Amino acid sequence: MGIIDRIKSLLGSKTEEEIRDFRELLKKKFGFEEFLYATTEGLPIMGTFPDYEEFSAKVPEILKSISELKSSNFYSIVAGEYVYTLVQISSEVLMLARGFEILGEEDIQELVDKSRKELGI
């Protein structure tokens, strides 16, 4: 069973309330208006961006392009009034979120830890 199957199995066993609580945590704790989780191959896991399933295919390419400038486990990209946060959650999972603040390293580590717990990885 691949990672996407394991994650979807875990998410499928969660109640709507548990998933909603996680979404609220991302919004309240980290200030994310929209987010998506995808595999490093661009397969969608979950998200709130409109058309996140199609958008998730672009996330690995975004990571590849930006990592050519500077290799890192996370990036903050300011575009207009928004800050896009791109994080390597694990070797197989990426997260892209849109908010209004640049997160510090401690917040990023907390985000990684909470995401791994939520996704069961």
Protein backbone atom coordinates (compact mmCIF):
# COMPACT_ATOMS: atom_id res chain seq x y z
CA MET A 1 0.00 0.00 0.00
CA GLY A 2 1.48 3.35 -1.07
CA ILE A 3 1.50 6.51 1.00
CA ILE A 4 -1.51 8.02 -0.72
CA ASP A 5 -3.56 4.90 0.00
CA ARG A 6 -2.45 4.86 3.65
CA ILE A 7 -3.29 8.53 4.11
CA LYS A 8 -6.66 8.28 2.37
CA SER A 9 -7.49 5.23 4.48
CA LEU A 10 -6.68 7.16 7.65
CA LEU A 11 -8.57 10.25 6.52
CA GLY A 12 -11.51 8.07 5.51
CA SER A 13 -11.75 6.80 9.09
CA LYS A 14 -11.91 10.32 10.53
CA THR A 15 -15.20 12.01 11.22
CA GLU A 16 -16.15 15.21 9.44
CA GLU A 17 -15.82 16.97 12.79
CA GLU A 18 -12.22 15.77 13.23
CA ILE A 19 -11.27 16.96 9.75
CA ARG A 20 -13.07 20.28 10.31
CA ASP A 21 -11.21 20.70 13.63
CA PHE A 22 -7.89 20.23 11.81
CA ARG A 23 -8.88 22.78 9.17
CA GLU A 24 -9.83 25.23 11.92
CA LEU A 25 -6.49 24.63 13.64
CA LEU A 26 -4.66 25.49 10.41
CA LYS A 27 -6.69 28.66 10.11
CA LYS A 28 -6.49 29.82 13.73
CA LYS A 29 -2.97 28.69 14.66
CA PHE A 30 -1.18 29.38 11.39
CA GLY A 31 -3.49 31.91 9.71
CA PHE A 32 -4.07 29.84 6.57
CA GLU A 33 -7.04 30.86 4.43
CA GLU A 34 -6.54 27.97 2.00
CA PHE A 35 -4.31 24.92 1.97
CA LEU A 36 -3.57 21.69 0.18
CA TYR A 37 -1.62 18.53 0.84
CA ALA A 38 -0.20 16.60 -2.10
CA THR A 39 2.30 13.84 -2.71
CA THR A 40 5.67 14.71 -4.19
CA GLU A 41 4.30 13.26 -7.45
CA GLY A 42 1.48 15.82 -7.41
CA LEU A 43 -1.35 13.54 -6.35
CA PRO A 44 -3.96 15.31 -4.18
CA ILE A 45 -4.47 14.27 -0.56
CA MET A 46 -6.80 16.98 0.74
CA GLY A 47 -7.26 20.70 0.47
CA THR A 48 -9.47 23.74 0.47
CA PHE A 49 -8.17 25.62 -2.57
CA PRO A 50 -10.71 25.71 -5.38
CA ASP A 51 -9.76 22.90 -7.76
CA TYR A 52 -7.07 21.74 -5.31
CA GLU A 53 -7.01 18.35 -7.03
CA GLU A 54 -5.78 19.92 -10.26
CA PHE A 55 -3.60 22.48 -8.47
CA SER A 56 -1.82 19.78 -6.44
CA ALA A 57 -0.17 18.52 -9.64
CA LYS A 58 1.70 21.85 -9.88
CA VAL A 59 3.07 21.87 -6.32
CA PRO A 60 6.06 19.55 -7.00
CA GLU A 61 7.04 21.76 -9.96
CA ILE A 62 6.81 24.88 -7.77
CA LEU A 63 9.07 23.18 -5.21
CA LYS A 64 11.53 22.09 -7.89
CA SER A 65 11.76 25.58 -9.37
CA ILE A 66 12.15 27.43 -6.10
CA SER A 67 14.60 24.92 -4.62
CA GLU A 68 16.98 25.70 -7.48
CA LEU A 69 17.40 29.13 -5.86
CA LYS A 70 17.99 27.80 -2.34
CA SER A 71 17.47 24.31 -0.95
CA SER A 72 15.19 24.26 2.10
CA ASN A 73 12.38 22.28 3.76
CA PHE A 74 10.06 25.28 3.61
CA TYR A 75 9.53 28.47 1.66
CA SER A 76 7.50 31.64 2.11
CA ILE A 77 6.46 33.35 -1.11
CA VAL A 78 4.91 36.81 -0.92
CA ALA A 79 2.52 37.60 -3.74
CA GLY A 80 0.51 40.77 -3.35
CA GLU A 81 -1.26 40.68 0.01
CA TYR A 82 -0.83 36.91 0.44
CA VAL A 83 1.97 34.77 1.79
CA TYR A 84 2.20 31.28 0.32
CA THR A 85 3.91 28.75 2.55
CA LEU A 86 5.34 25.65 0.89
CA VAL A 87 6.49 22.95 3.29
CA GLN A 88 8.02 19.50 2.86
CA ILE A 89 5.95 17.56 5.43
CA SER A 90 7.76 14.28 4.74
CA SER A 91 9.83 12.79 1.95
CA GLU A 92 6.56 11.98 0.16
CA VAL A 93 4.15 14.77 1.22
CA LEU A 94 4.09 18.51 0.47
CA MET A 95 1.82 21.25 1.78
CA LEU A 96 1.02 24.57 0.18
CA ALA A 97 -0.99 27.15 2.11
CA ARG A 98 -2.14 30.72 1.57
CA GLY A 99 -2.28 33.15 4.45
CA PHE A 100 -1.18 36.61 5.46
CA GLU A 101 1.89 36.01 7.67
CA ILE A 102 5.38 34.60 7.23
CA LEU A 103 5.84 31.72 9.67
CA GLY A 104 8.99 31.28 11.73
CA GLU A 105 10.95 28.05 12.01
CA GLU A 106 9.23 27.02 15.27
CA ASP A 107 5.80 27.47 13.68
CA ILE A 108 6.91 25.48 10.64
CA GLN A 109 8.13 22.62 12.84
CA GLU A 110 4.82 22.65 14.74
CA LEU A 111 2.96 22.62 11.41
CA VAL A 112 5.03 19.65 10.23
CA ASP A 113 4.41 17.76 13.48
CA LYS A 114 0.65 18.43 13.48
CA SER A 115 0.36 17.56 9.78
CA ARG A 116 2.23 14.29 10.22
CA LYS A 117 0.00 13.37 13.12
CA GLU A 118 -3.16 14.26 11.19
CA LEU A 119 -2.04 12.34 8.10
CA GLY A 120 -0.66 9.38 10.05
CA ILE A 121 2.86 9.65 8.63
